[in-house]
Amino acid sequence: MTPDAVATIGREAMMTLLWVSAPTMLVALVVGLLVALLQALTSIQEVTLTFVPKIILVFAVMLVTLPFMSSQMQQLTESLYSRIAAIEPVVVPGAEE
């Protein structure tokens, strides 16, 4: 396996990771900012107020985007399996089988 092939596999894995995690992370970021703004404006410092809406919305987004996430992961896995299958075995001269 060449260094270019390894770099390509790493790049594809990182891009898949970003595409799969981006919707969930963006929702958590936006909800966190909105709750922090609400707490700053109203001087309410309730600890559960930051976690409950974020958890509920993150789970909802994960349920909605689950088909997209699984298809992206499946494409990456199939790509890796096809690359593994294409690797030719190394034959060492003089080695016994």
PDB file of N, CA and C in Angstrom:
ATOM      1  N   MET A   1       0.861  -1.171   0.000  1.00  0.00           N
ATOM      2  CA  MET A   1       0.000   0.000   0.000  1.00  0.00           C
ATOM      3  C   MET A   1       0.905   1.230   0.000  1.00  0.00           C
ATOM      4  N   THR A   2       0.599   2.130  -0.885  1.00  0.00           N
ATOM      5  CA  THR A   2       1.428   3.325  -1.040  1.00  0.00           C
ATOM      6  C   THR A   2       1.023   4.403  -0.031  1.00  0.00           C
ATOM      7  N   PRO A   3       1.920   5.323   0.240  1.00  0.00           N
ATOM      8  CA  PRO A   3       1.559   6.427   1.141  1.00  0.00           C
ATOM      9  C   PRO A   3       0.394   7.268   0.608  1.00  0.00           C
ATOM     10  N   ASP A   4       0.292   7.382  -0.712  1.00  0.00           N
ATOM     11  CA  ASP A   4      -0.834   8.131  -1.283  1.00  0.00           C
ATOM     12  C   ASP A   4      -2.161   7.439  -0.998  1.00  0.00           C
ATOM     13  N   ALA A   5      -2.171   6.124  -1.068  1.00  0.00           N
ATOM     14  CA  ALA A   5      -3.394   5.381  -0.784  1.00  0.00           C
ATOM     15  C   ALA A   5      -3.790   5.528   0.677  1.00  0.00           C
ATOM     16  N   VAL A   6      -2.809   5.490   1.556  1.00  0.00           N
ATOM     17  CA  VAL A   6      -3.089   5.665   2.987  1.00  0.00           C
ATOM     18  C   VAL A   6      -3.627   7.071   3.258  1.00  0.00           C
ATOM     19  N   ALA A   7      -3.036   8.072   2.607  1.00  0.00           N
ATOM     20  CA  ALA A   7      -3.516   9.453   2.778  1.00  0.00           C
ATOM     21  C   ALA A   7      -4.934   9.605   2.251  1.00  0.00           C
ATOM     22  N   THR A   8      -5.234   8.946   1.140  1.00  0.00           N
ATOM     23  CA  THR A   8      -6.587   9.008   0.577  1.00  0.00           C
ATOM     24  C   THR A   8      -7.596   8.364   1.513  1.00  0.00           C
ATOM     25  N   ILE A   9      -7.252   7.224   2.062  1.00  0.00           N
ATOM     26  CA  ILE A   9      -8.145   6.542   3.002  1.00  0.00           C
ATOM     27  C   ILE A   9      -8.360   7.408   4.244  1.00  0.00           C
ATOM     28  N   GLY A  10      -7.297   7.997   4.757  1.00  0.00           N
ATOM     29  CA  GLY A  10      -7.428   8.874   5.922  1.00  0.00           C
ATOM     30  C   GLY A  10      -8.287  10.090   5.639  1.00  0.00           C
ATOM     31  N   ARG A  11      -8.101  10.687   4.452  1.00  0.00           N
ATOM     32  CA  ARG A  11      -8.902  11.851   4.084  1.00  0.00           C
ATOM     33  C   ARG A  11     -10.376  11.482   3.954  1.00  0.00           C
ATOM     34  N   GLU A  12     -10.663  10.345   3.317  1.00  0.00           N
ATOM     35  CA  GLU A  12     -12.048   9.907   3.177  1.00  0.00           C
ATOM     36  C   GLU A  12     -12.677   9.617   4.538  1.00  0.00           C
ATOM     37  N   ALA A  13     -11.912   9.014   5.435  1.00  0.00           N
ATOM     38  CA  ALA A  13     -12.439   8.724   6.772  1.00  0.00           C
ATOM     39  C   ALA A  13     -12.736  10.013   7.540  1.00  0.00           C
ATOM     40  N   MET A  14     -11.838  10.997   7.440  1.00  0.00           N
ATOM     41  CA  MET A  14     -12.067  12.269   8.127  1.00  0.00           C
ATOM     42  C   MET A  14     -13.263  13.024   7.546  1.00  0.00           C
ATOM     43  N   MET A  15     -13.405  13.006   6.232  1.00  0.00           N
ATOM     44  CA  MET A  15     -14.552  13.680   5.617  1.00  0.00           C
ATOM     45  C   MET A  15     -15.863  12.999   6.012  1.00  0.00           C
ATOM     46  N   THR A  16     -15.857  11.667   6.054  1.00  0.00           N
ATOM     47  CA  THR A  16     -17.052  10.947   6.482  1.00  0.00           C
ATOM     48  C   THR A  16     -17.379  11.283   7.932  1.00  0.00           C
ATOM     49  N   LEU A  17     -16.359  11.338   8.765  1.00  0.00           N
ATOM     50  CA  LEU A  17     -16.566  11.710  10.168  1.00  0.00           C
ATOM     51  C   LEU A  17     -17.178  13.101  10.285  1.00  0.00           C
ATOM     52  N   LEU A  18     -16.677  14.047   9.508  1.00  0.00           N
ATOM     53  CA  LEU A  18     -17.225  15.403   9.549  1.00  0.00           C
ATOM     54  C   LEU A  18     -18.664  15.454   9.058  1.00  0.00           C
ATOM     55  N   TRP A  19     -18.958  14.756   7.954  1.00  0.00           N
ATOM     56  CA  TRP A  19     -20.319  14.765   7.418  1.00  0.00           C
ATOM     57  C   TRP A  19     -21.301  14.093   8.369  1.00  0.00           C
ATOM     58  N   VAL A  20     -20.870  13.029   9.031  1.00  0.00           N
ATOM     59  CA  VAL A  20     -21.768  12.297   9.913  1.00  0.00           C
ATOM     60  C   VAL A  20     -22.020  13.077  11.210  1.00  0.00           C
ATOM     61  N   SER A  21     -21.003  13.721  11.742  1.00  0.00           N
ATOM     62  CA  SER A  21     -21.161  14.400  13.030  1.00  0.00           C
ATOM     63  C   SER A  21     -21.610  15.853  12.921  1.00  0.00           C
ATOM     64  N   ALA A  22     -21.500  16.450  11.764  1.00  0.00           N
ATOM     65  CA  ALA A  22     -21.806  17.880  11.622  1.00  0.00           C
ATOM     66  C   ALA A  22     -23.233  18.262  12.027  1.00  0.00           C
ATOM     67  N   PRO A  23     -24.287  17.563  11.557  1.00  0.00           N
ATOM     68  CA  PRO A  23     -25.639  17.998  11.951  1.00  0.00           C
ATOM     69  C   PRO A  23     -25.850  17.985  13.464  1.00  0.00           C
ATOM     70  N   THR A  24     -25.386  16.953  14.120  1.00  0.00           N
ATOM     71  CA  THR A  24     -25.559  16.851  15.565  1.00  0.00           C
ATOM     72  C   THR A  24     -24.773  17.934  16.292  1.00  0.00           C
ATOM     73  N   MET A  25     -23.550  18.146  15.874  1.00  0.00           N
ATOM     74  CA  MET A  25     -22.720  19.154  16.529  1.00  0.00           C
ATOM     75  C   MET A  25     -23.261  20.571  16.310  1.00  0.00           C
ATOM     76  N   LEU A  26     -23.744  20.839  15.113  1.00  0.00           N
ATOM     77  CA  LEU A  26     -24.299  22.171  14.835  1.00  0.00           C
ATOM     78  C   LEU A  26     -25.535  22.446  15.676  1.00  0.00           C
ATOM     79  N   VAL A  27     -26.399  21.448  15.819  1.00  0.00           N
ATOM     80  CA  VAL A  27     -27.596  21.635  16.643  1.00  0.00           C
ATOM     81  C   VAL A  27     -27.206  21.851  18.101  1.00  0.00           C
ATOM     82  N   ALA A  28     -26.250  21.077  18.602  1.00  0.00           N
ATOM     83  CA  ALA A  28     -25.798  21.253  19.984  1.00  0.00           C
ATOM     84  C   ALA A  28     -25.196  22.642  20.185  1.00  0.00           C
ATOM     85  N   LEU A  29     -24.445  23.111  19.197  1.00  0.00           N
ATOM     86  CA  LEU A  29     -23.845  24.445  19.291  1.00  0.00           C
ATOM     87  C   LEU A  29     -24.909  25.533  19.317  1.00  0.00           C
ATOM     88  N   VAL A  30     -25.860  25.465  18.407  1.00  0.00           N
ATOM     89  CA  VAL A  30     -26.898  26.506  18.317  1.00  0.00           C
ATOM     90  C   VAL A  30     -27.769  26.500  19.572  1.00  0.00           C
ATOM     91  N   VAL A  31     -28.175  25.322  20.014  1.00  0.00           N
ATOM     92  CA  VAL A  31     -29.012  25.247  21.215  1.00  0.00           C
ATOM     93  C   VAL A  31     -28.235  25.741  22.434  1.00  0.00           C
ATOM     94  N   GLY A  32     -26.978  25.382  22.548  1.00  0.00           N
ATOM     95  CA  GLY A  32     -26.163  25.857  23.659  1.00  0.00           C
ATOM     96  C   GLY A  32     -26.033  27.367  23.670  1.00  0.00           C
ATOM     97  N   LEU A  33     -25.815  27.945  22.491  1.00  0.00           N
ATOM     98  CA  LEU A  33     -25.717  29.405  22.417  1.00  0.00           C
ATOM     99  C   LEU A  33     -27.034  30.089  22.764  1.00  0.00           C
ATOM    100  N   LEU A  34     -28.146  29.537  22.278  1.00  0.00           N
ATOM    101  CA  LEU A  34     -29.447  30.137  22.574  1.00  0.00           C
ATOM    102  C   LEU A  34     -29.785  30.045  24.058  1.00  0.00           C
ATOM    103  N   VAL A  35     -29.500  28.907  24.667  1.00  0.00           N
ATOM    104  CA  VAL A  35     -29.778  28.758  26.096  1.00  0.00           C
ATOM    105  C   VAL A  35     -28.865  29.674  26.907  1.00  0.00           C
ATOM    106  N   ALA A  36     -27.603  29.787  26.515  1.00  0.00           N
ATOM    107  CA  ALA A  36     -26.689  30.687  27.222  1.00  0.00           C
ATOM    108  C   ALA A  36     -27.144  32.136  27.098  1.00  0.00           C
ATOM    109  N   LEU A  37     -27.617  32.508  25.931  1.00  0.00           N
ATOM    110  CA  LEU A  37     -28.136  33.866  25.734  1.00  0.00           C
ATOM    111  C   LEU A  37     -29.375  34.092  26.593  1.00  0.00           C
ATOM    112  N   LEU A  38     -30.260  33.108  26.617  1.00  0.00           N
ATOM    113  CA  LEU A  38     -31.461  33.214  27.450  1.00  0.00           C
ATOM    114  C   LEU A  38     -31.094  33.335  28.928  1.00  0.00           C
ATOM    115  N   GLN A  39     -30.132  32.551  29.356  1.00  0.00           N
ATOM    116  CA  GLN A  39     -29.713  32.629  30.758  1.00  0.00           C
ATOM    117  C   GLN A  39     -29.057  33.974  31.075  1.00  0.00           C
ATOM    118  N   ALA A  40     -28.292  34.499  30.142  1.00  0.00           N
ATOM    119  CA  ALA A  40     -27.646  35.788  30.389  1.00  0.00           C
ATOM    120  C   ALA A  40     -28.671  36.920  30.422  1.00  0.00           C
ATOM    121  N   LEU A  41     -29.683  36.841  29.578  1.00  0.00           N
ATOM    122  CA  LEU A  41     -30.693  37.906  29.536  1.00  0.00           C
ATOM    123  C   LEU A  41     -31.632  37.866  30.728  1.00  0.00           C
ATOM    124  N   THR A  42     -31.931  36.680  31.231  1.00  0.00           N
ATOM    125  CA  THR A  42     -32.909  36.573  32.319  1.00  0.00           C
ATOM    126  C   THR A  42     -32.269  36.325  33.679  1.00  0.00           C
ATOM    127  N   SER A  43     -30.959  36.142  33.745  1.00  0.00           N
ATOM    128  CA  SER A  43     -30.236  35.862  34.989  1.00  0.00           C
ATOM    129  C   SER A  43     -30.704  34.577  35.659  1.00  0.00           C
ATOM    130  N   ILE A  44     -31.213  33.648  34.848  1.00  0.00           N
ATOM    131  CA  ILE A  44     -31.585  32.324  35.363  1.00  0.00           C
ATOM    132  C   ILE A  44     -30.364  31.432  35.215  1.00  0.00           C
ATOM    133  N   GLN A  45     -29.881  30.904  36.322  1.00  0.00           N
ATOM    134  CA  GLN A  45     -28.693  30.057  36.276  1.00  0.00           C
ATOM    135  C   GLN A  45     -29.032  28.623  36.681  1.00  0.00           C
ATOM    136  N   GLU A  46     -30.056  28.085  36.091  1.00  0.00           N
ATOM    137  CA  GLU A  46     -30.455  26.703  36.363  1.00  0.00           C
ATOM    138  C   GLU A  46     -29.577  25.764  35.553  1.00  0.00           C
ATOM    139  N   VAL A  47     -28.974  24.774  36.205  1.00  0.00           N
ATOM    140  CA  VAL A  47     -28.033  23.865  35.551  1.00  0.00           C
ATOM    141  C   VAL A  47     -28.750  22.966  34.550  1.00  0.00           C
ATOM    142  N   THR A  48     -29.915  22.467  34.908  1.00  0.00           N
ATOM    143  CA  THR A  48     -30.622  21.545  34.019  1.00  0.00           C
ATOM    144  C   THR A  48     -31.139  22.243  32.772  1.00  0.00           C
ATOM    145  N   LEU A  49     -31.269  23.548  32.813  1.00  0.00           N
ATOM    146  CA  LEU A  49     -31.760  24.285  31.656  1.00  0.00           C
ATOM    147  C   LEU A  49     -30.799  24.190  30.474  1.00  0.00           C
ATOM    148  N   THR A  50     -29.531  24.000  30.744  1.00  0.00           N
ATOM    149  CA  THR A  50     -28.574  23.882  29.640  1.00  0.00           C
ATOM    150  C   THR A  50     -28.564  22.489  29.043  1.00  0.00           C
ATOM    151  N   PHE A  51     -28.835  21.463  29.845  1.00  0.00           N
ATOM    152  CA  PHE A  51     -28.695  20.093  29.370  1.00  0.00           C
ATOM    153  C   PHE A  51     -29.949  19.521  28.737  1.00  0.00           C
ATOM    154  N   VAL A  52     -31.102  19.759  29.320  1.00  0.00           N
ATOM    155  CA  VAL A  52     -32.329  19.107  28.870  1.00  0.00           C
ATOM    156  C   VAL A  52     -32.693  19.473  27.425  1.00  0.00           C
ATOM    157  N   PRO A  53     -32.764  20.755  27.056  1.00  0.00           N
ATOM    158  CA  PRO A  53     -33.111  21.042  25.650  1.00  0.00           C
ATOM    159  C   PRO A  53     -32.057  20.519  24.673  1.00  0.00           C
ATOM    160  N   LYS A  54     -30.798  20.604  25.069  1.00  0.00           N
ATOM    161  CA  LYS A  54     -29.727  20.149  24.191  1.00  0.00           C
ATOM    162  C   LYS A  54     -29.818  18.642  23.960  1.00  0.00           C
ATOM    163  N   ILE A  55     -30.035  17.881  25.007  1.00  0.00           N
ATOM    164  CA  ILE A  55     -30.138  16.427  24.878  1.00  0.00           C
ATOM    165  C   ILE A  55     -31.335  16.040  24.026  1.00  0.00           C
ATOM    166  N   ILE A  56     -32.467  16.668  24.267  1.00  0.00           N
ATOM    167  CA  ILE A  56     -33.676  16.341  23.507  1.00  0.00           C
ATOM    168  C   ILE A  56     -33.487  16.643  22.027  1.00  0.00           C
ATOM    169  N   LEU A  57     -32.958  17.817  21.703  1.00  0.00           N
ATOM    170  CA  LEU A  57     -32.790  18.182  20.299  1.00  0.00           C
ATOM    171  C   LEU A  57     -31.682  17.387  19.612  1.00  0.00           C
ATOM    172  N   VAL A  58     -30.631  17.067  20.326  1.00  0.00           N
ATOM    173  CA  VAL A  58     -29.566  16.248  19.730  1.00  0.00           C
ATOM    174  C   VAL A  58     -30.101  14.853  19.407  1.00  0.00           C
ATOM    175  N   PHE A  59     -30.853  14.245  20.313  1.00  0.00           N
ATOM    176  CA  PHE A  59     -31.441  12.943  20.022  1.00  0.00           C
ATOM    177  C   PHE A  59     -32.421  13.018  18.859  1.00  0.00           C
ATOM    178  N   ALA A  60     -33.203  14.091  18.786  1.00  0.00           N
ATOM    179  CA  ALA A  60     -34.147  14.244  17.670  1.00  0.00           C
ATOM    180  C   ALA A  60     -33.406  14.367  16.342  1.00  0.00           C
ATOM    181  N   VAL A  61     -32.340  15.146  16.330  1.00  0.00           N
ATOM    182  CA  VAL A  61     -31.557  15.293  15.097  1.00  0.00           C
ATOM    183  C   VAL A  61     -30.894  13.978  14.725  1.00  0.00           C
ATOM    184  N   MET A  62     -30.419  13.247  15.705  1.00  0.00           N
ATOM    185  CA  MET A  62     -29.808  11.949  15.414  1.00  0.00           C
ATOM    186  C   MET A  62     -30.825  10.975  14.826  1.00  0.00           C
ATOM    187  N   LEU A  63     -32.046  10.995  15.333  1.00  0.00           N
ATOM    188  CA  LEU A  63     -33.076  10.121  14.774  1.00  0.00           C
ATOM    189  C   LEU A  63     -33.420  10.506  13.339  1.00  0.00           C
ATOM    190  N   VAL A  64     -33.463  11.802  13.074  1.00  0.00           N
ATOM    191  CA  VAL A  64     -33.802  12.267  11.728  1.00  0.00           C
ATOM    192  C   VAL A  64     -32.669  11.982  10.745  1.00  0.00           C
ATOM    193  N   THR A  65     -31.436  12.163  11.173  1.00  0.00           N
ATOM    194  CA  THR A  65     -30.299  12.007  10.267  1.00  0.00           C
ATOM    195  C   THR A  65     -29.687  10.613  10.296  1.00  0.00           C
ATOM    196  N   LEU A  66     -30.278   9.685  11.028  1.00  0.00           N
ATOM    197  CA  LEU A  66     -29.732   8.340  11.107  1.00  0.00           C
ATOM    198  C   LEU A  66     -29.624   7.643   9.746  1.00  0.00           C
ATOM    199  N   PRO A  67     -30.617   7.740   8.853  1.00  0.00           N
ATOM    200  CA  PRO A  67     -30.438   7.115   7.532  1.00  0.00           C
ATOM    201  C   PRO A  67     -29.256   7.703   6.758  1.00  0.00           C
ATOM    202  N   PHE A  68     -29.081   9.006   6.825  1.00  0.00           N
ATOM    203  CA  PHE A  68     -27.938   9.644   6.164  1.00  0.00           C
ATOM    204  C   PHE A  68     -26.624   9.168   6.770  1.00  0.00           C
ATOM    205  N   MET A  69     -26.568   9.126   8.098  1.00  0.00           N
ATOM    206  CA  MET A  69     -25.345   8.696   8.772  1.00  0.00           C
ATOM    207  C   MET A  69     -24.991   7.258   8.402  1.00  0.00           C
ATOM    208  N   SER A  70     -25.975   6.377   8.423  1.00  0.00           N
ATOM    209  CA  SER A  70     -25.690   4.972   8.121  1.00  0.00           C
ATOM    210  C   SER A  70     -25.294   4.784   6.668  1.00  0.00           C
ATOM    211  N   SER A  71     -25.872   5.543   5.750  1.00  0.00           N
ATOM    212  CA  SER A  71     -25.488   5.400   4.338  1.00  0.00           C
ATOM    213  C   SER A  71     -24.059   5.903   4.114  1.00  0.00           C
ATOM    214  N   GLN A  72     -23.673   6.976   4.783  1.00  0.00           N
ATOM    215  CA  GLN A  72     -22.310   7.471   4.658  1.00  0.00           C
ATOM    216  C   GLN A  72     -21.303   6.466   5.218  1.00  0.00           C
ATOM    217  N   MET A  73     -21.615   5.884   6.368  1.00  0.00           N
ATOM    218  CA  MET A  73     -20.725   4.893   6.962  1.00  0.00           C
ATOM    219  C   MET A  73     -20.658   3.626   6.107  1.00  0.00           C
ATOM    220  N   GLN A  74     -21.797   3.254   5.517  1.00  0.00           N
ATOM    221  CA  GLN A  74     -21.812   2.078   4.652  1.00  0.00           C
ATOM    222  C   GLN A  74     -20.965   2.310   3.398  1.00  0.00           C
ATOM    223  N   GLN A  75     -21.046   3.488   2.809  1.00  0.00           N
ATOM    224  CA  GLN A  75     -20.233   3.798   1.640  1.00  0.00           C
ATOM    225  C   GLN A  75     -18.743   3.736   1.970  1.00  0.00           C
ATOM    226  N   LEU A  76     -18.352   4.284   3.109  1.00  0.00           N
ATOM    227  CA  LEU A  76     -16.949   4.237   3.508  1.00  0.00           C
ATOM    228  C   LEU A  76     -16.493   2.796   3.746  1.00  0.00           C
ATOM    229  N   THR A  77     -17.315   2.007   4.405  1.00  0.00           N
ATOM    230  CA  THR A  77     -16.961   0.618   4.679  1.00  0.00           C
ATOM    231  C   THR A  77     -16.829  -0.180   3.393  1.00  0.00           C
ATOM    232  N   GLU A  78     -17.768  -0.002   2.460  1.00  0.00           N
ATOM    233  CA  GLU A  78     -17.680  -0.710   1.189  1.00  0.00           C
ATOM    234  C   GLU A  78     -16.441  -0.293   0.404  1.00  0.00           C
ATOM    235  N   SER A  79     -16.101   0.974   0.464  1.00  0.00           N
ATOM    236  CA  SER A  79     -14.898   1.457  -0.215  1.00  0.00           C
ATOM    237  C   SER A  79     -13.648   0.820   0.382  1.00  0.00           C
ATOM    238  N   LEU A  80     -13.591   0.749   1.716  1.00  0.00           N
ATOM    239  CA  LEU A  80     -12.440   0.129   2.361  1.00  0.00           C
ATOM    240  C   LEU A  80     -12.356  -1.360   2.065  1.00  0.00           C
ATOM    241  N   TYR A  81     -13.496  -2.048   2.080  1.00  0.00           N
ATOM    242  CA  TYR A  81     -13.494  -3.482   1.780  1.00  0.00           C
ATOM    243  C   TYR A  81     -13.057  -3.748   0.348  1.00  0.00           C
ATOM    244  N   SER A  82     -13.493  -2.917  -0.585  1.00  0.00           N
ATOM    245  CA  SER A  82     -13.078  -3.133  -1.971  1.00  0.00           C
ATOM    246  C   SER A  82     -11.583  -2.871  -2.135  1.00  0.00           C
ATOM    247  N   ARG A  83     -11.045  -1.919  -1.398  1.00  0.00           N
ATOM    248  CA  ARG A  83      -9.597  -1.682  -1.454  1.00  0.00           C
ATOM    249  C   ARG A  83      -8.822  -2.839  -0.832  1.00  0.00           C
ATOM    250  N   ILE A  84      -9.346  -3.401   0.236  1.00  0.00           N
ATOM    251  CA  ILE A  84      -8.687  -4.540   0.876  1.00  0.00           C
ATOM    252  C   ILE A  84      -8.694  -5.737  -0.073  1.00  0.00           C
ATOM    253  N   ALA A  85      -9.822  -5.951  -0.742  1.00  0.00           N
ATOM    254  CA  ALA A  85      -9.923  -7.083  -1.668  1.00  0.00           C
ATOM    255  C   ALA A  85      -8.992  -6.914  -2.865  1.00  0.00           C
ATOM    256  N   ALA A  86      -8.668  -5.675  -3.223  1.00  0.00           N
ATOM    257  CA  ALA A  86      -7.820  -5.427  -4.388  1.00  0.00           C
ATOM    258  C   ALA A  86      -6.333  -5.566  -4.079  1.00  0.00           C
ATOM    259  N   ILE A  87      -5.993  -5.673  -2.805  1.00  0.00           N
ATOM    260  CA  ILE A  87      -4.583  -5.811  -2.433  1.00  0.00           C
ATOM    261  C   ILE A  87      -4.112  -7.212  -2.823  1.00  0.00           C
ATOM    262  N   GLU A  88      -3.006  -7.257  -3.544  1.00  0.00           N
ATOM    263  CA  GLU A  88      -2.447  -8.538  -3.952  1.00  0.00           C
ATOM    264  C   GLU A  88      -1.531  -9.058  -2.857  1.00  0.00           C
ATOM    265  N   PRO A  89      -1.565 -10.368  -2.629  1.00  0.00           N
ATOM    266  CA  PRO A  89      -0.683 -10.919  -1.600  1.00  0.00           C
ATOM    267  C   PRO A  89       0.778 -10.836  -2.021  1.00  0.00           C
ATOM    268  N   VAL A  90       1.641 -10.678  -1.056  1.00  0.00           N
ATOM    269  CA  VAL A  90       3.069 -10.603  -1.314  1.00  0.00           C
ATOM    270  C   VAL A  90       3.639 -12.007  -1.325  1.00  0.00           C
ATOM    271  N   VAL A  91       4.331 -12.340  -2.398  1.00  0.00           N
ATOM    272  CA  VAL A  91       4.931 -13.676  -2.507  1.00  0.00           C
ATOM    273  C   VAL A  91       6.421 -13.513  -2.218  1.00  0.00           C
ATOM    274  N   VAL A  92       6.880 -14.239  -1.214  1.00  0.00           N
ATOM    275  CA  VAL A  92       8.288 -14.192  -0.835  1.00  0.00           C
ATOM    276  C   VAL A  92       8.991 -15.372  -1.515  1.00  0.00           C
ATOM    277  N   PRO A  93      10.005 -15.093  -2.344  1.00  0.00           N
ATOM    278  CA  PRO A  93      10.696 -16.211  -3.025  1.00  0.00           C
ATOM    279  C   PRO A  93      11.395 -17.110  -2.012  1.00  0.00           C
ATOM    280  N   GLY A  94      11.234 -18.391  -2.211  1.00  0.00           N
ATOM    281  CA  GLY A  94      11.889 -19.357  -1.359  1.00  0.00           C
ATOM    282  C   GLY A  94      11.124 -19.690  -0.108  1.00  0.00           C
ATOM    283  N   ALA A  95       9.996 -19.068   0.127  1.00  0.00           N
ATOM    284  CA  ALA A  95       9.208 -19.353   1.319  1.00  0.00           C
ATOM    285  C   ALA A  95       8.356 -20.597   1.068  1.00  0.00           C
ATOM    286  N   GLU A  96       8.245 -21.444   2.062  1.00  0.00           N
ATOM    287  CA  GLU A  96       7.433 -22.667   1.924  1.00  0.00           C
ATOM    288  C   GLU A  96       5.992 -22.351   2.251  1.00  0.00           C
ATOM    289  N   GLU A  97       5.138 -23.057   1.576  1.00  0.00           N
ATOM    290  CA  GLU A  97       3.702 -22.857   1.829  1.00  0.00           C
ATOM    291  C   GLU A  97       3.154 -23.950   2.670  1.00  0.00           C
TER     292      GLU A  97
END
